[in-house]
């Protein structure tokens, strides 16, 4: 039911995009 993503936030940094995948892959 969801499109998914991975994000990351390093020390002193803003959260940033890493990877994304649609609901069916």
PDBML (XML) file of the C-alpha atoms, coordinates in Angstrom:
<?xml version="1.0" encoding="UTF-8" ?>
<PDBx:datablock datablockName="MODEL"
   xmlns:PDBx="http://pdbml.pdb.org/schema/pdbx-v50.xsd"
   xmlns:xsi="http://www.w3.org/2001/XMLSchema-instance"
   xsi:schemaLocation="http://pdbml.pdb.org/schema/pdbx-v50.xsd pdbx-v50.xsd">
   <PDBx:atom_siteCategory>
      <PDBx:atom_site id="1">
         <PDBx:B_iso_or_equiv>0.00</PDBx:B_iso_or_equiv>
         <PDBx:Cartn_x>0.000</PDBx:Cartn_x>
         <PDBx:Cartn_y>0.000</PDBx:Cartn_y>
         <PDBx:Cartn_z>0.000</PDBx:Cartn_z>
         <PDBx:auth_asym_id>A</PDBx:auth_asym_id>
         <PDBx:auth_atom_id>CA</PDBx:auth_atom_id>
         <PDBx:auth_comp_id>UNK</PDBx:auth_comp_id>
         <PDBx:auth_seq_id>1</PDBx:auth_seq_id>
         <PDBx:group_PDB>ATOM</PDBx:group_PDB>
         <PDBx:label_alt_id xsi:nil="true" />
         <PDBx:label_asym_id>A</PDBx:label_asym_id>
         <PDBx:label_atom_id>CA</PDBx:label_atom_id>
         <PDBx:label_comp_id>UNK</PDBx:label_comp_id>
         <PDBx:label_entity_id>1</PDBx:label_entity_id>
         <PDBx:label_seq_id>1</PDBx:label_seq_id>
         <PDBx:occupancy>1.00</PDBx:occupancy>
         <PDBx:pdbx_PDB_model_num>1</PDBx:pdbx_PDB_model_num>
         <PDBx:type_symbol>C</PDBx:type_symbol>
      </PDBx:atom_site>
      <PDBx:atom_site id="2">
         <PDBx:B_iso_or_equiv>0.00</PDBx:B_iso_or_equiv>
         <PDBx:Cartn_x>3.066</PDBx:Cartn_x>
         <PDBx:Cartn_y>2.237</PDBx:Cartn_y>
         <PDBx:Cartn_z>0.174</PDBx:Cartn_z>
         <PDBx:auth_asym_id>A</PDBx:auth_asym_id>
         <PDBx:auth_atom_id>CA</PDBx:auth_atom_id>
         <PDBx:auth_comp_id>UNK</PDBx:auth_comp_id>
         <PDBx:auth_seq_id>2</PDBx:auth_seq_id>
         <PDBx:group_PDB>ATOM</PDBx:group_PDB>
         <PDBx:label_alt_id xsi:nil="true" />
         <PDBx:label_asym_id>A</PDBx:label_asym_id>
         <PDBx:label_atom_id>CA</PDBx:label_atom_id>
         <PDBx:label_comp_id>UNK</PDBx:label_comp_id>
         <PDBx:label_entity_id>1</PDBx:label_entity_id>
         <PDBx:label_seq_id>2</PDBx:label_seq_id>
         <PDBx:occupancy>1.00</PDBx:occupancy>
         <PDBx:pdbx_PDB_model_num>1</PDBx:pdbx_PDB_model_num>
         <PDBx:type_symbol>C</PDBx:type_symbol>
      </PDBx:atom_site>
      <PDBx:atom_site id="3">
         <PDBx:B_iso_or_equiv>0.00</PDBx:B_iso_or_equiv>
         <PDBx:Cartn_x>5.826</PDBx:Cartn_x>
         <PDBx:Cartn_y>3.700</PDBx:Cartn_y>
         <PDBx:Cartn_z>-1.908</PDBx:Cartn_z>
         <PDBx:auth_asym_id>A</PDBx:auth_asym_id>
         <PDBx:auth_atom_id>CA</PDBx:auth_atom_id>
         <PDBx:auth_comp_id>UNK</PDBx:auth_comp_id>
         <PDBx:auth_seq_id>3</PDBx:auth_seq_id>
         <PDBx:group_PDB>ATOM</PDBx:group_PDB>
         <PDBx:label_alt_id xsi:nil="true" />
         <PDBx:label_asym_id>A</PDBx:label_asym_id>
         <PDBx:label_atom_id>CA</PDBx:label_atom_id>
         <PDBx:label_comp_id>UNK</PDBx:label_comp_id>
         <PDBx:label_entity_id>1</PDBx:label_entity_id>
         <PDBx:label_seq_id>3</PDBx:label_seq_id>
         <PDBx:occupancy>1.00</PDBx:occupancy>
         <PDBx:pdbx_PDB_model_num>1</PDBx:pdbx_PDB_model_num>
         <PDBx:type_symbol>C</PDBx:type_symbol>
      </PDBx:atom_site>
      <PDBx:atom_site id="4">
         <PDBx:B_iso_or_equiv>0.00</PDBx:B_iso_or_equiv>
         <PDBx:Cartn_x>8.937</PDBx:Cartn_x>
         <PDBx:Cartn_y>3.564</PDBx:Cartn_y>
         <PDBx:Cartn_z>0.242</PDBx:Cartn_z>
         <PDBx:auth_asym_id>A</PDBx:auth_asym_id>
         <PDBx:auth_atom_id>CA</PDBx:auth_atom_id>
         <PDBx:auth_comp_id>UNK</PDBx:auth_comp_id>
         <PDBx:auth_seq_id>4</PDBx:auth_seq_id>
         <PDBx:group_PDB>ATOM</PDBx:group_PDB>
         <PDBx:label_alt_id xsi:nil="true" />
         <PDBx:label_asym_id>A</PDBx:label_asym_id>
         <PDBx:label_atom_id>CA</PDBx:label_atom_id>
         <PDBx:label_comp_id>UNK</PDBx:label_comp_id>
         <PDBx:label_entity_id>1</PDBx:label_entity_id>
         <PDBx:label_seq_id>4</PDBx:label_seq_id>
         <PDBx:occupancy>1.00</PDBx:occupancy>
         <PDBx:pdbx_PDB_model_num>1</PDBx:pdbx_PDB_model_num>
         <PDBx:type_symbol>C</PDBx:type_symbol>
      </PDBx:atom_site>
      <PDBx:atom_site id="5">
         <PDBx:B_iso_or_equiv>0.00</PDBx:B_iso_or_equiv>
         <PDBx:Cartn_x>12.147</PDBx:Cartn_x>
         <PDBx:Cartn_y>5.456</PDBx:Cartn_y>
         <PDBx:Cartn_z>0.749</PDBx:Cartn_z>
         <PDBx:auth_asym_id>A</PDBx:auth_asym_id>
         <PDBx:auth_atom_id>CA</PDBx:auth_atom_id>
         <PDBx:auth_comp_id>UNK</PDBx:auth_comp_id>
         <PDBx:auth_seq_id>5</PDBx:auth_seq_id>
         <PDBx:group_PDB>ATOM</PDBx:group_PDB>
         <PDBx:label_alt_id xsi:nil="true" />
         <PDBx:label_asym_id>A</PDBx:label_asym_id>
         <PDBx:label_atom_id>CA</PDBx:label_atom_id>
         <PDBx:label_comp_id>UNK</PDBx:label_comp_id>
         <PDBx:label_entity_id>1</PDBx:label_entity_id>
         <PDBx:label_seq_id>5</PDBx:label_seq_id>
         <PDBx:occupancy>1.00</PDBx:occupancy>
         <PDBx:pdbx_PDB_model_num>1</PDBx:pdbx_PDB_model_num>
         <PDBx:type_symbol>C</PDBx:type_symbol>
      </PDBx:atom_site>
      <PDBx:atom_site id="6">
         <PDBx:B_iso_or_equiv>0.00</PDBx:B_iso_or_equiv>
         <PDBx:Cartn_x>15.351</PDBx:Cartn_x>
         <PDBx:Cartn_y>5.526</PDBx:Cartn_y>
         <PDBx:Cartn_z>2.745</PDBx:Cartn_z>
         <PDBx:auth_asym_id>A</PDBx:auth_asym_id>
         <PDBx:auth_atom_id>CA</PDBx:auth_atom_id>
         <PDBx:auth_comp_id>UNK</PDBx:auth_comp_id>
         <PDBx:auth_seq_id>6</PDBx:auth_seq_id>
         <PDBx:group_PDB>ATOM</PDBx:group_PDB>
         <PDBx:label_alt_id xsi:nil="true" />
         <PDBx:label_asym_id>A</PDBx:label_asym_id>
         <PDBx:label_atom_id>CA</PDBx:label_atom_id>
         <PDBx:label_comp_id>UNK</PDBx:label_comp_id>
         <PDBx:label_entity_id>1</PDBx:label_entity_id>
         <PDBx:label_seq_id>6</PDBx:label_seq_id>
         <PDBx:occupancy>1.00</PDBx:occupancy>
         <PDBx:pdbx_PDB_model_num>1</PDBx:pdbx_PDB_model_num>
         <PDBx:type_symbol>C</PDBx:type_symbol>
      </PDBx:atom_site>
      <PDBx:atom_site id="7">
         <PDBx:B_iso_or_equiv>0.00</PDBx:B_iso_or_equiv>
         <PDBx:Cartn_x>16.812</PDBx:Cartn_x>
         <PDBx:Cartn_y>8.769</PDBx:Cartn_y>
         <PDBx:Cartn_z>4.027</PDBx:Cartn_z>
         <PDBx:auth_asym_id>A</PDBx:auth_asym_id>
         <PDBx:auth_atom_id>CA</PDBx:auth_atom_id>
         <PDBx:auth_comp_id>UNK</PDBx:auth_comp_id>
         <PDBx:auth_seq_id>7</PDBx:auth_seq_id>
         <PDBx:group_PDB>ATOM</PDBx:group_PDB>
         <PDBx:label_alt_id xsi:nil="true" />
         <PDBx:label_asym_id>A</PDBx:label_asym_id>
         <PDBx:label_atom_id>CA</PDBx:label_atom_id>
         <PDBx:label_comp_id>UNK</PDBx:label_comp_id>
         <PDBx:label_entity_id>1</PDBx:label_entity_id>
         <PDBx:label_seq_id>7</PDBx:label_seq_id>
         <PDBx:occupancy>1.00</PDBx:occupancy>
         <PDBx:pdbx_PDB_model_num>1</PDBx:pdbx_PDB_model_num>
         <PDBx:type_symbol>C</PDBx:type_symbol>
      </PDBx:atom_site>
      <PDBx:atom_site id="8">
         <PDBx:B_iso_or_equiv>0.00</PDBx:B_iso_or_equiv>
         <PDBx:Cartn_x>19.770</PDBx:Cartn_x>
         <PDBx:Cartn_y>9.568</PDBx:Cartn_y>
         <PDBx:Cartn_z>6.258</PDBx:Cartn_z>
         <PDBx:auth_asym_id>A</PDBx:auth_asym_id>
         <PDBx:auth_atom_id>CA</PDBx:auth_atom_id>
         <PDBx:auth_comp_id>UNK</PDBx:auth_comp_id>
         <PDBx:auth_seq_id>8</PDBx:auth_seq_id>
         <PDBx:group_PDB>ATOM</PDBx:group_PDB>
         <PDBx:label_alt_id xsi:nil="true" />
         <PDBx:label_asym_id>A</PDBx:label_asym_id>
         <PDBx:label_atom_id>CA</PDBx:label_atom_id>
         <PDBx:label_comp_id>UNK</PDBx:label_comp_id>
         <PDBx:label_entity_id>1</PDBx:label_entity_id>
         <PDBx:label_seq_id>8</PDBx:label_seq_id>
         <PDBx:occupancy>1.00</PDBx:occupancy>
         <PDBx:pdbx_PDB_model_num>1</PDBx:pdbx_PDB_model_num>
         <PDBx:type_symbol>C</PDBx:type_symbol>
      </PDBx:atom_site>
      <PDBx:atom_site id="9">
         <PDBx:B_iso_or_equiv>0.00</PDBx:B_iso_or_equiv>
         <PDBx:Cartn_x>20.907</PDBx:Cartn_x>
         <PDBx:Cartn_y>12.316</PDBx:Cartn_y>
         <PDBx:Cartn_z>8.555</PDBx:Cartn_z>
         <PDBx:auth_asym_id>A</PDBx:auth_asym_id>
         <PDBx:auth_atom_id>CA</PDBx:auth_atom_id>
         <PDBx:auth_comp_id>UNK</PDBx:auth_comp_id>
         <PDBx:auth_seq_id>9</PDBx:auth_seq_id>
         <PDBx:group_PDB>ATOM</PDBx:group_PDB>
         <PDBx:label_alt_id xsi:nil="true" />
         <PDBx:label_asym_id>A</PDBx:label_asym_id>
         <PDBx:label_atom_id>CA</PDBx:label_atom_id>
         <PDBx:label_comp_id>UNK</PDBx:label_comp_id>
         <PDBx:label_entity_id>1</PDBx:label_entity_id>
         <PDBx:label_seq_id>9</PDBx:label_seq_id>
         <PDBx:occupancy>1.00</PDBx:occupancy>
         <PDBx:pdbx_PDB_model_num>1</PDBx:pdbx_PDB_model_num>
         <PDBx:type_symbol>C</PDBx:type_symbol>
      </PDBx:atom_site>
      <PDBx:atom_site id="10">
         <PDBx:B_iso_or_equiv>0.00</PDBx:B_iso_or_equiv>
         <PDBx:Cartn_x>24.578</PDBx:Cartn_x>
         <PDBx:Cartn_y>12.700</PDBx:Cartn_y>
         <PDBx:Cartn_z>9.347</PDBx:Cartn_z>
         <PDBx:auth_asym_id>A</PDBx:auth_asym_id>
         <PDBx:auth_atom_id>CA</PDBx:auth_atom_id>
         <PDBx:auth_comp_id>UNK</PDBx:auth_comp_id>
         <PDBx:auth_seq_id>10</PDBx:auth_seq_id>
         <PDBx:group_PDB>ATOM</PDBx:group_PDB>
         <PDBx:label_alt_id xsi:nil="true" />
         <PDBx:label_asym_id>A</PDBx:label_asym_id>
         <PDBx:label_atom_id>CA</PDBx:label_atom_id>
         <PDBx:label_comp_id>UNK</PDBx:label_comp_id>
         <PDBx:label_entity_id>1</PDBx:label_entity_id>
         <PDBx:label_seq_id>10</PDBx:label_seq_id>
         <PDBx:occupancy>1.00</PDBx:occupancy>
         <PDBx:pdbx_PDB_model_num>1</PDBx:pdbx_PDB_model_num>
         <PDBx:type_symbol>C</PDBx:type_symbol>
      </PDBx:atom_site>
      <PDBx:atom_site id="11">
         <PDBx:B_iso_or_equiv>0.00</PDBx:B_iso_or_equiv>
         <PDBx:Cartn_x>26.019</PDBx:Cartn_x>
         <PDBx:Cartn_y>14.635</PDBx:Cartn_y>
         <PDBx:Cartn_z>12.289</PDBx:Cartn_z>
         <PDBx:auth_asym_id>A</PDBx:auth_asym_id>
         <PDBx:auth_atom_id>CA</PDBx:auth_atom_id>
         <PDBx:auth_comp_id>UNK</PDBx:auth_comp_id>
         <PDBx:auth_seq_id>11</PDBx:auth_seq_id>
         <PDBx:group_PDB>ATOM</PDBx:group_PDB>
         <PDBx:label_alt_id xsi:nil="true" />
         <PDBx:label_asym_id>A</PDBx:label_asym_id>
         <PDBx:label_atom_id>CA</PDBx:label_atom_id>
         <PDBx:label_comp_id>UNK</PDBx:label_comp_id>
         <PDBx:label_entity_id>1</PDBx:label_entity_id>
         <PDBx:label_seq_id>11</PDBx:label_seq_id>
         <PDBx:occupancy>1.00</PDBx:occupancy>
         <PDBx:pdbx_PDB_model_num>1</PDBx:pdbx_PDB_model_num>
         <PDBx:type_symbol>C</PDBx:type_symbol>
      </PDBx:atom_site>
      <PDBx:atom_site id="12">
         <PDBx:B_iso_or_equiv>0.00</PDBx:B_iso_or_equiv>
         <PDBx:Cartn_x>25.233</PDBx:Cartn_x>
         <PDBx:Cartn_y>18.317</PDBx:Cartn_y>
         <PDBx:Cartn_z>11.861</PDBx:Cartn_z>
         <PDBx:auth_asym_id>A</PDBx:auth_asym_id>
         <PDBx:auth_atom_id>CA</PDBx:auth_atom_id>
         <PDBx:auth_comp_id>UNK</PDBx:auth_comp_id>
         <PDBx:auth_seq_id>12</PDBx:auth_seq_id>
         <PDBx:group_PDB>ATOM</PDBx:group_PDB>
         <PDBx:label_alt_id xsi:nil="true" />
         <PDBx:label_asym_id>A</PDBx:label_asym_id>
         <PDBx:label_atom_id>CA</PDBx:label_atom_id>
         <PDBx:label_comp_id>UNK</PDBx:label_comp_id>
         <PDBx:label_entity_id>1</PDBx:label_entity_id>
         <PDBx:label_seq_id>12</PDBx:label_seq_id>
         <PDBx:occupancy>1.00</PDBx:occupancy>
         <PDBx:pdbx_PDB_model_num>1</PDBx:pdbx_PDB_model_num>
         <PDBx:type_symbol>C</PDBx:type_symbol>
      </PDBx:atom_site>
      <PDBx:atom_site id="13">
         <PDBx:B_iso_or_equiv>0.00</PDBx:B_iso_or_equiv>
         <PDBx:Cartn_x>23.582</PDBx:Cartn_x>
         <PDBx:Cartn_y>17.728</PDBx:Cartn_y>
         <PDBx:Cartn_z>8.507</PDBx:Cartn_z>
         <PDBx:auth_asym_id>A</PDBx:auth_asym_id>
         <PDBx:auth_atom_id>CA</PDBx:auth_atom_id>
         <PDBx:auth_comp_id>UNK</PDBx:auth_comp_id>
         <PDBx:auth_seq_id>13</PDBx:auth_seq_id>
         <PDBx:group_PDB>ATOM</PDBx:group_PDB>
         <PDBx:label_alt_id xsi:nil="true" />
         <PDBx:label_asym_id>A</PDBx:label_asym_id>
         <PDBx:label_atom_id>CA</PDBx:label_atom_id>
         <PDBx:label_comp_id>UNK</PDBx:label_comp_id>
         <PDBx:label_entity_id>1</PDBx:label_entity_id>
         <PDBx:label_seq_id>13</PDBx:label_seq_id>
         <PDBx:occupancy>1.00</PDBx:occupancy>
         <PDBx:pdbx_PDB_model_num>1</PDBx:pdbx_PDB_model_num>
         <PDBx:type_symbol>C</PDBx:type_symbol>
      </PDBx:atom_site>
      <PDBx:atom_site id="14">
         <PDBx:B_iso_or_equiv>0.00</PDBx:B_iso_or_equiv>
         <PDBx:Cartn_x>20.076</PDBx:Cartn_x>
         <PDBx:Cartn_y>17.880</PDBx:Cartn_y>
         <PDBx:Cartn_z>7.136</PDBx:Cartn_z>
         <PDBx:auth_asym_id>A</PDBx:auth_asym_id>
         <PDBx:auth_atom_id>CA</PDBx:auth_atom_id>
         <PDBx:auth_comp_id>UNK</PDBx:auth_comp_id>
         <PDBx:auth_seq_id>14</PDBx:auth_seq_id>
         <PDBx:group_PDB>ATOM</PDBx:group_PDB>
         <PDBx:label_alt_id xsi:nil="true" />
         <PDBx:label_asym_id>A</PDBx:label_asym_id>
         <PDBx:label_atom_id>CA</PDBx:label_atom_id>
         <PDBx:label_comp_id>UNK</PDBx:label_comp_id>
         <PDBx:label_entity_id>1</PDBx:label_entity_id>
         <PDBx:label_seq_id>14</PDBx:label_seq_id>
         <PDBx:occupancy>1.00</PDBx:occupancy>
         <PDBx:pdbx_PDB_model_num>1</PDBx:pdbx_PDB_model_num>
         <PDBx:type_symbol>C</PDBx:type_symbol>
      </PDBx:atom_site>
      <PDBx:atom_site id="15">
         <PDBx:B_iso_or_equiv>0.00</PDBx:B_iso_or_equiv>
         <PDBx:Cartn_x>18.175</PDBx:Cartn_x>
         <PDBx:Cartn_y>14.723</PDBx:Cartn_y>
         <PDBx:Cartn_z>6.370</PDBx:Cartn_z>
         <PDBx:auth_asym_id>A</PDBx:auth_asym_id>
         <PDBx:auth_atom_id>CA</PDBx:auth_atom_id>
         <PDBx:auth_comp_id>UNK</PDBx:auth_comp_id>
         <PDBx:auth_seq_id>15</PDBx:auth_seq_id>
         <PDBx:group_PDB>ATOM</PDBx:group_PDB>
         <PDBx:label_alt_id xsi:nil="true" />
         <PDBx:label_asym_id>A</PDBx:label_asym_id>
         <PDBx:label_atom_id>CA</PDBx:label_atom_id>
         <PDBx:label_comp_id>UNK</PDBx:label_comp_id>
         <PDBx:label_entity_id>1</PDBx:label_entity_id>
         <PDBx:label_seq_id>15</PDBx:label_seq_id>
         <PDBx:occupancy>1.00</PDBx:occupancy>
         <PDBx:pdbx_PDB_model_num>1</PDBx:pdbx_PDB_model_num>
         <PDBx:type_symbol>C</PDBx:type_symbol>
      </PDBx:atom_site>
      <PDBx:atom_site id="16">
         <PDBx:B_iso_or_equiv>0.00</PDBx:B_iso_or_equiv>
         <PDBx:Cartn_x>18.858</PDBx:Cartn_x>
         <PDBx:Cartn_y>13.636</PDBx:Cartn_y>
         <PDBx:Cartn_z>2.808</PDBx:Cartn_z>
         <PDBx:auth_asym_id>A</PDBx:auth_asym_id>
         <PDBx:auth_atom_id>CA</PDBx:auth_atom_id>
         <PDBx:auth_comp_id>UNK</PDBx:auth_comp_id>
         <PDBx:auth_seq_id>16</PDBx:auth_seq_id>
         <PDBx:group_PDB>ATOM</PDBx:group_PDB>
         <PDBx:label_alt_id xsi:nil="true" />
         <PDBx:label_asym_id>A</PDBx:label_asym_id>
         <PDBx:label_atom_id>CA</PDBx:label_atom_id>
         <PDBx:label_comp_id>UNK</PDBx:label_comp_id>
         <PDBx:label_entity_id>1</PDBx:label_entity_id>
         <PDBx:label_seq_id>16</PDBx:label_seq_id>
         <PDBx:occupancy>1.00</PDBx:occupancy>
         <PDBx:pdbx_PDB_model_num>1</PDBx:pdbx_PDB_model_num>
         <PDBx:type_symbol>C</PDBx:type_symbol>
      </PDBx:atom_site>
      <PDBx:atom_site id="17">
         <PDBx:B_iso_or_equiv>0.00</PDBx:B_iso_or_equiv>
         <PDBx:Cartn_x>17.491</PDBx:Cartn_x>
         <PDBx:Cartn_y>11.224</PDBx:Cartn_y>
         <PDBx:Cartn_z>0.255</PDBx:Cartn_z>
         <PDBx:auth_asym_id>A</PDBx:auth_asym_id>
         <PDBx:auth_atom_id>CA</PDBx:auth_atom_id>
         <PDBx:auth_comp_id>UNK</PDBx:auth_comp_id>
         <PDBx:auth_seq_id>17</PDBx:auth_seq_id>
         <PDBx:group_PDB>ATOM</PDBx:group_PDB>
         <PDBx:label_alt_id xsi:nil="true" />
         <PDBx:label_asym_id>A</PDBx:label_asym_id>
         <PDBx:label_atom_id>CA</PDBx:label_atom_id>
         <PDBx:label_comp_id>UNK</PDBx:label_comp_id>
         <PDBx:label_entity_id>1</PDBx:label_entity_id>
         <PDBx:label_seq_id>17</PDBx:label_seq_id>
         <PDBx:occupancy>1.00</PDBx:occupancy>
         <PDBx:pdbx_PDB_model_num>1</PDBx:pdbx_PDB_model_num>
         <PDBx:type_symbol>C</PDBx:type_symbol>
      </PDBx:atom_site>
      <PDBx:atom_site id="18">
         <PDBx:B_iso_or_equiv>0.00</PDBx:B_iso_or_equiv>
         <PDBx:Cartn_x>19.241</PDBx:Cartn_x>
         <PDBx:Cartn_y>7.888</PDBx:Cartn_y>
         <PDBx:Cartn_z>-0.192</PDBx:Cartn_z>
         <PDBx:auth_asym_id>A</PDBx:auth_asym_id>
         <PDBx:auth_atom_id>CA</PDBx:auth_atom_id>
         <PDBx:auth_comp_id>UNK</PDBx:auth_comp_id>
         <PDBx:auth_seq_id>18</PDBx:auth_seq_id>
         <PDBx:group_PDB>ATOM</PDBx:group_PDB>
         <PDBx:label_alt_id xsi:nil="true" />
         <PDBx:label_asym_id>A</PDBx:label_asym_id>
         <PDBx:label_atom_id>CA</PDBx:label_atom_id>
         <PDBx:label_comp_id>UNK</PDBx:label_comp_id>
         <PDBx:label_entity_id>1</PDBx:label_entity_id>
         <PDBx:label_seq_id>18</PDBx:label_seq_id>
         <PDBx:occupancy>1.00</PDBx:occupancy>
         <PDBx:pdbx_PDB_model_num>1</PDBx:pdbx_PDB_model_num>
         <PDBx:type_symbol>C</PDBx:type_symbol>
      </PDBx:atom_site>
      <PDBx:atom_site id="19">
         <PDBx:B_iso_or_equiv>0.00</PDBx:B_iso_or_equiv>
         <PDBx:Cartn_x>16.940</PDBx:Cartn_x>
         <PDBx:Cartn_y>5.554</PDBx:Cartn_y>
         <PDBx:Cartn_z>-2.120</PDBx:Cartn_z>
         <PDBx:auth_asym_id>A</PDBx:auth_asym_id>
         <PDBx:auth_atom_id>CA</PDBx:auth_atom_id>
         <PDBx:auth_comp_id>UNK</PDBx:auth_comp_id>
         <PDBx:auth_seq_id>19</PDBx:auth_seq_id>
         <PDBx:group_PDB>ATOM</PDBx:group_PDB>
         <PDBx:label_alt_id xsi:nil="true" />
         <PDBx:label_asym_id>A</PDBx:label_asym_id>
         <PDBx:label_atom_id>CA</PDBx:label_atom_id>
         <PDBx:label_comp_id>UNK</PDBx:label_comp_id>
         <PDBx:label_entity_id>1</PDBx:label_entity_id>
         <PDBx:label_seq_id>19</PDBx:label_seq_id>
         <PDBx:occupancy>1.00</PDBx:occupancy>
         <PDBx:pdbx_PDB_model_num>1</PDBx:pdbx_PDB_model_num>
         <PDBx:type_symbol>C</PDBx:type_symbol>
      </PDBx:atom_site>
      <PDBx:atom_site id="20">
         <PDBx:B_iso_or_equiv>0.00</PDBx:B_iso_or_equiv>
         <PDBx:Cartn_x>13.317</PDBx:Cartn_x>
         <PDBx:Cartn_y>5.061</PDBx:Cartn_y>
         <PDBx:Cartn_z>-3.113</PDBx:Cartn_z>
         <PDBx:auth_asym_id>A</PDBx:auth_asym_id>
         <PDBx:auth_atom_id>CA</PDBx:auth_atom_id>
         <PDBx:auth_comp_id>UNK</PDBx:auth_comp_id>
         <PDBx:auth_seq_id>20</PDBx:auth_seq_id>
         <PDBx:group_PDB>ATOM</PDBx:group_PDB>
         <PDBx:label_alt_id xsi:nil="true" />
         <PDBx:label_asym_id>A</PDBx:label_asym_id>
         <PDBx:label_atom_id>CA</PDBx:label_atom_id>
         <PDBx:label_comp_id>UNK</PDBx:label_comp_id>
         <PDBx:label_entity_id>1</PDBx:label_entity_id>
         <PDBx:label_seq_id>20</PDBx:label_seq_id>
         <PDBx:occupancy>1.00</PDBx:occupancy>
         <PDBx:pdbx_PDB_model_num>1</PDBx:pdbx_PDB_model_num>
         <PDBx:type_symbol>C</PDBx:type_symbol>
      </PDBx:atom_site>
      <PDBx:atom_site id="21">
         <PDBx:B_iso_or_equiv>0.00</PDBx:B_iso_or_equiv>
         <PDBx:Cartn_x>11.211</PDBx:Cartn_x>
         <PDBx:Cartn_y>2.220</PDBx:Cartn_y>
         <PDBx:Cartn_z>-4.488</PDBx:Cartn_z>
         <PDBx:auth_asym_id>A</PDBx:auth_asym_id>
         <PDBx:auth_atom_id>CA</PDBx:auth_atom_id>
         <PDBx:auth_comp_id>UNK</PDBx:auth_comp_id>
         <PDBx:auth_seq_id>21</PDBx:auth_seq_id>
         <PDBx:group_PDB>ATOM</PDBx:group_PDB>
         <PDBx:label_alt_id xsi:nil="true" />
         <PDBx:label_asym_id>A</PDBx:label_asym_id>
         <PDBx:label_atom_id>CA</PDBx:label_atom_id>
         <PDBx:label_comp_id>UNK</PDBx:label_comp_id>
         <PDBx:label_entity_id>1</PDBx:label_entity_id>
         <PDBx:label_seq_id>21</PDBx:label_seq_id>
         <PDBx:occupancy>1.00</PDBx:occupancy>
         <PDBx:pdbx_PDB_model_num>1</PDBx:pdbx_PDB_model_num>
         <PDBx:type_symbol>C</PDBx:type_symbol>
      </PDBx:atom_site>
      <PDBx:atom_site id="22">
         <PDBx:B_iso_or_equiv>0.00</PDBx:B_iso_or_equiv>
         <PDBx:Cartn_x>7.697</PDBx:Cartn_x>
         <PDBx:Cartn_y>2.096</PDBx:Cartn_y>
         <PDBx:Cartn_z>-5.863</PDBx:Cartn_z>
         <PDBx:auth_asym_id>A</PDBx:auth_asym_id>
         <PDBx:auth_atom_id>CA</PDBx:auth_atom_id>
         <PDBx:auth_comp_id>UNK</PDBx:auth_comp_id>
         <PDBx:auth_seq_id>22</PDBx:auth_seq_id>
         <PDBx:group_PDB>ATOM</PDBx:group_PDB>
         <PDBx:label_alt_id xsi:nil="true" />
         <PDBx:label_asym_id>A</PDBx:label_asym_id>
         <PDBx:label_atom_id>CA</PDBx:label_atom_id>
         <PDBx:label_comp_id>UNK</PDBx:label_comp_id>
         <PDBx:label_entity_id>1</PDBx:label_entity_id>
         <PDBx:label_seq_id>22</PDBx:label_seq_id>
         <PDBx:occupancy>1.00</PDBx:occupancy>
         <PDBx:pdbx_PDB_model_num>1</PDBx:pdbx_PDB_model_num>
         <PDBx:type_symbol>C</PDBx:type_symbol>
      </PDBx:atom_site>
      <PDBx:atom_site id="23">
         <PDBx:B_iso_or_equiv>0.00</PDBx:B_iso_or_equiv>
         <PDBx:Cartn_x>4.957</PDBx:Cartn_x>
         <PDBx:Cartn_y>0.038</PDBx:Cartn_y>
         <PDBx:Cartn_z>-4.229</PDBx:Cartn_z>
         <PDBx:auth_asym_id>A</PDBx:auth_asym_id>
         <PDBx:auth_atom_id>CA</PDBx:auth_atom_id>
         <PDBx:auth_comp_id>UNK</PDBx:auth_comp_id>
         <PDBx:auth_seq_id>23</PDBx:auth_seq_id>
         <PDBx:group_PDB>ATOM</PDBx:group_PDB>
         <PDBx:label_alt_id xsi:nil="true" />
         <PDBx:label_asym_id>A</PDBx:label_asym_id>
         <PDBx:label_atom_id>CA</PDBx:label_atom_id>
         <PDBx:label_comp_id>UNK</PDBx:label_comp_id>
         <PDBx:label_entity_id>1</PDBx:label_entity_id>
         <PDBx:label_seq_id>23</PDBx:label_seq_id>
         <PDBx:occupancy>1.00</PDBx:occupancy>
         <PDBx:pdbx_PDB_model_num>1</PDBx:pdbx_PDB_model_num>
         <PDBx:type_symbol>C</PDBx:type_symbol>
      </PDBx:atom_site>
      <PDBx:atom_site id="24">
         <PDBx:B_iso_or_equiv>0.00</PDBx:B_iso_or_equiv>
         <PDBx:Cartn_x>5.471</PDBx:Cartn_x>
         <PDBx:Cartn_y>-2.956</PDBx:Cartn_y>
         <PDBx:Cartn_z>-6.514</PDBx:Cartn_z>
         <PDBx:auth_asym_id>A</PDBx:auth_asym_id>
         <PDBx:auth_atom_id>CA</PDBx:auth_atom_id>
         <PDBx:auth_comp_id>UNK</PDBx:auth_comp_id>
         <PDBx:auth_seq_id>24</PDBx:auth_seq_id>
         <PDBx:group_PDB>ATOM</PDBx:group_PDB>
         <PDBx:label_alt_id xsi:nil="true" />
         <PDBx:label_asym_id>A</PDBx:label_asym_id>
         <PDBx:label_atom_id>CA</PDBx:label_atom_id>
         <PDBx:label_comp_id>UNK</PDBx:label_comp_id>
         <PDBx:label_entity_id>1</PDBx:label_entity_id>
         <PDBx:label_seq_id>24</PDBx:label_seq_id>
         <PDBx:occupancy>1.00</PDBx:occupancy>
         <PDBx:pdbx_PDB_model_num>1</PDBx:pdbx_PDB_model_num>
         <PDBx:type_symbol>C</PDBx:type_symbol>
      </PDBx:atom_site>
      <PDBx:atom_site id="25">
         <PDBx:B_iso_or_equiv>0.00</PDBx:B_iso_or_equiv>
         <PDBx:Cartn_x>9.246</PDBx:Cartn_x>
         <PDBx:Cartn_y>-2.651</PDBx:Cartn_y>
         <PDBx:Cartn_z>-6.783</PDBx:Cartn_z>
         <PDBx:auth_asym_id>A</PDBx:auth_asym_id>
         <PDBx:auth_atom_id>CA</PDBx:auth_atom_id>
         <PDBx:auth_comp_id>UNK</PDBx:auth_comp_id>
         <PDBx:auth_seq_id>25</PDBx:auth_seq_id>
         <PDBx:group_PDB>ATOM</PDBx:group_PDB>
         <PDBx:label_alt_id xsi:nil="true" />
         <PDBx:label_asym_id>A</PDBx:label_asym_id>
         <PDBx:label_atom_id>CA</PDBx:label_atom_id>
         <PDBx:label_comp_id>UNK</PDBx:label_comp_id>
         <PDBx:label_entity_id>1</PDBx:label_entity_id>
         <PDBx:label_seq_id>25</PDBx:label_seq_id>
         <PDBx:occupancy>1.00</PDBx:occupancy>
         <PDBx:pdbx_PDB_model_num>1</PDBx:pdbx_PDB_model_num>
         <PDBx:type_symbol>C</PDBx:type_symbol>
      </PDBx:atom_site>
   </PDBx:atom_siteCategory>
</PDBx:datablock>
